[in-house]
Structure formats: structure tokens, C-alpha cells
Amino acid sequence: MTPMPTTTGRSGQAALEYVLALAALLVVVGAVSHLVAAARKSGDRTIGIVASDYP
């Protein structure tokens, strides 16, 4: 009977998955920050128009 191999050749798979998950998380955080910045800019513009003295 032959012993089972100790490694399956996929030792770096977990590290690669963590790196990909971190990259996906950074992409999501970047997209959300851009959306928040755009919403804030639009809100500031709206407040400026509403608060203006132009009739």
C-alpha cells in the first residue's frame, strides 16, 4: 500500500483566494467612495441652488 501524498499541489490556493478577496473588497470600497463623493457634490450643488437669492 502506498502512503497518501502530503501535499496536493494546491498549497498556494488559499493565499491566492485571500488576495483576490482583498482586491475585490478594495474595488467595492473604491466604488462606494466614488458614489458617496458624487452624491455629496450633487447635494452641495442642490443646496447652493436652493439657497441662492435668484428668484
N, C-alpha and C. Protein backbone atom coordinates (compact mmCIF):
# COMPACT_ATOMS: atom_id res chain seq x y z
N MET A 1 0.85 -1.18 0.00
CA MET A 1 0.00 0.00 0.00
C MET A 1 0.89 1.24 0.00
N THR A 2 0.58 2.19 -0.85
CA THR A 2 1.38 3.41 -0.93
C THR A 2 0.78 4.48 -0.03
N PRO A 3 1.63 5.24 0.64
CA PRO A 3 1.10 6.31 1.51
C PRO A 3 0.52 7.44 0.68
N MET A 4 -0.44 8.13 1.27
CA MET A 4 -1.07 9.26 0.58
C MET A 4 -0.09 10.42 0.54
N PRO A 5 -0.09 11.18 -0.53
CA PRO A 5 0.81 12.33 -0.60
C PRO A 5 0.43 13.38 0.44
N THR A 6 1.44 14.06 0.95
CA THR A 6 1.19 15.06 2.00
C THR A 6 0.70 16.38 1.42
N THR A 7 1.05 16.67 0.18
CA THR A 7 0.57 17.90 -0.45
C THR A 7 -0.20 17.54 -1.71
N THR A 8 -1.14 18.39 -2.03
CA THR A 8 -1.96 18.13 -3.22
C THR A 8 -1.56 19.02 -4.38
N GLY A 9 -0.52 19.83 -4.20
CA GLY A 9 -0.12 20.74 -5.26
C GLY A 9 -0.93 22.01 -5.30
N ARG A 10 -1.78 22.22 -4.33
CA ARG A 10 -2.63 23.41 -4.29
C ARG A 10 -2.37 24.21 -3.02
N SER A 11 -1.09 24.27 -2.60
CA SER A 11 -0.77 24.92 -1.34
C SER A 11 -0.95 26.43 -1.40
N GLY A 12 -0.83 27.03 -2.58
CA GLY A 12 -0.98 28.47 -2.69
C GLY A 12 -2.39 28.92 -3.00
N GLN A 13 -3.32 27.99 -3.07
CA GLN A 13 -4.68 28.37 -3.45
C GLN A 13 -5.34 29.26 -2.40
N ALA A 14 -5.15 28.95 -1.12
CA ALA A 14 -5.78 29.75 -0.06
C ALA A 14 -5.24 31.18 -0.07
N ALA A 15 -3.92 31.32 -0.25
CA ALA A 15 -3.33 32.66 -0.30
C ALA A 15 -3.86 33.43 -1.50
N LEU A 16 -3.97 32.76 -2.63
CA LEU A 16 -4.49 33.42 -3.83
C LEU A 16 -5.93 33.86 -3.62
N GLU A 17 -6.73 33.03 -2.98
CA GLU A 17 -8.12 33.39 -2.72
C GLU A 17 -8.22 34.59 -1.79
N TYR A 18 -7.34 34.65 -0.78
CA TYR A 18 -7.33 35.80 0.12
C TYR A 18 -6.94 37.07 -0.63
N VAL A 19 -5.97 36.97 -1.51
CA VAL A 19 -5.54 38.14 -2.28
C VAL A 19 -6.66 38.61 -3.20
N LEU A 20 -7.35 37.67 -3.86
CA LEU A 20 -8.45 38.04 -4.74
C LEU A 20 -9.61 38.65 -3.95
N ALA A 21 -9.88 38.12 -2.77
CA ALA A 21 -10.95 38.68 -1.95
C ALA A 21 -10.58 40.09 -1.49
N LEU A 22 -9.33 40.30 -1.14
CA LEU A 22 -8.88 41.63 -0.73
C LEU A 22 -8.98 42.62 -1.90
N ALA A 23 -8.60 42.17 -3.09
CA ALA A 23 -8.69 43.04 -4.27
C ALA A 23 -10.15 43.39 -4.57
N ALA A 24 -11.05 42.41 -4.46
CA ALA A 24 -12.46 42.68 -4.70
C ALA A 24 -13.01 43.65 -3.65
N LEU A 25 -12.59 43.49 -2.41
CA LEU A 25 -13.03 44.39 -1.35
C LEU A 25 -12.55 45.81 -1.62
N LEU A 26 -11.32 45.96 -2.08
CA LEU A 26 -10.80 47.29 -2.38
C LEU A 26 -11.55 47.94 -3.55
N VAL A 27 -11.91 47.14 -4.53
CA VAL A 27 -12.69 47.67 -5.67
C VAL A 27 -14.06 48.15 -5.18
N VAL A 28 -14.70 47.38 -4.32
CA VAL A 28 -16.02 47.76 -3.81
C VAL A 28 -15.91 49.03 -2.97
N VAL A 29 -14.90 49.11 -2.12
CA VAL A 29 -14.72 50.30 -1.28
C VAL A 29 -14.45 51.53 -2.15
N GLY A 30 -13.66 51.37 -3.20
CA GLY A 30 -13.39 52.48 -4.11
C GLY A 30 -14.64 52.94 -4.84
N ALA A 31 -15.45 51.99 -5.30
CA ALA A 31 -16.69 52.34 -6.00
C ALA A 31 -17.66 53.06 -5.06
N VAL A 32 -17.78 52.57 -3.85
CA VAL A 32 -18.69 53.21 -2.89
C VAL A 32 -18.20 54.62 -2.53
N SER A 33 -16.89 54.78 -2.38
CA SER A 33 -16.38 56.11 -2.05
C SER A 33 -16.62 57.09 -3.20
N HIS A 34 -16.51 56.62 -4.46
CA HIS A 34 -16.82 57.50 -5.58
C HIS A 34 -18.30 57.85 -5.61
N LEU A 35 -19.16 56.91 -5.32
CA LEU A 35 -20.59 57.19 -5.29
C LEU A 35 -20.94 58.18 -4.19
N VAL A 36 -20.33 58.03 -3.03
CA VAL A 36 -20.59 58.95 -1.92
C VAL A 36 -20.09 60.35 -2.28
N ALA A 37 -18.92 60.43 -2.90
CA ALA A 37 -18.39 61.75 -3.29
C ALA A 37 -19.29 62.42 -4.32
N ALA A 38 -19.79 61.64 -5.28
CA ALA A 38 -20.68 62.21 -6.29
C ALA A 38 -22.00 62.67 -5.67
N ALA A 39 -22.54 61.89 -4.74
CA ALA A 39 -23.79 62.27 -4.08
C ALA A 39 -23.58 63.53 -3.24
N ARG A 40 -22.46 63.61 -2.57
CA ARG A 40 -22.18 64.80 -1.75
C ARG A 40 -22.03 66.04 -2.63
N LYS A 41 -21.33 65.89 -3.76
CA LYS A 41 -21.15 67.02 -4.67
C LYS A 41 -22.49 67.47 -5.24
N SER A 42 -23.33 66.51 -5.61
CA SER A 42 -24.64 66.85 -6.13
C SER A 42 -25.50 67.52 -5.06
N GLY A 43 -25.41 67.03 -3.82
CA GLY A 43 -26.17 67.64 -2.73
C GLY A 43 -25.72 69.05 -2.45
N ASP A 44 -24.41 69.28 -2.48
CA ASP A 44 -23.90 70.64 -2.27
C ASP A 44 -24.36 71.57 -3.37
N ARG A 45 -24.38 71.08 -4.60
CA ARG A 45 -24.85 71.89 -5.72
C ARG A 45 -26.33 72.23 -5.57
N THR A 46 -27.11 71.24 -5.14
CA THR A 46 -28.55 71.46 -4.95
C THR A 46 -28.80 72.48 -3.84
N ILE A 47 -28.07 72.34 -2.75
CA ILE A 47 -28.24 73.30 -1.64
C ILE A 47 -27.83 74.70 -2.08
N GLY A 48 -26.76 74.79 -2.89
CA GLY A 48 -26.35 76.09 -3.40
C GLY A 48 -27.41 76.73 -4.29
N ILE A 49 -28.07 75.92 -5.11
CA ILE A 49 -29.12 76.47 -5.98
C ILE A 49 -30.33 76.89 -5.16
N VAL A 50 -30.73 76.06 -4.22
CA VAL A 50 -31.91 76.37 -3.40
C VAL A 50 -31.65 77.59 -2.51
N ALA A 51 -30.44 77.73 -2.00
CA ALA A 51 -30.13 78.82 -1.08
C ALA A 51 -29.79 80.13 -1.79
N SER A 52 -29.73 80.10 -3.12
CA SER A 52 -29.35 81.33 -3.83
C SER A 52 -30.49 82.35 -3.77
N ASP A 53 -30.14 83.58 -3.98
CA ASP A 53 -31.12 84.66 -3.92
C ASP A 53 -31.80 84.88 -5.27
N TYR A 54 -31.43 84.11 -6.27
CA TYR A 54 -32.03 84.27 -7.59
C TYR A 54 -33.47 83.80 -7.53
N PRO A 55 -34.42 84.63 -7.99
CA PRO A 55 -35.83 84.26 -7.85
C PRO A 55 -36.27 83.09 -8.72
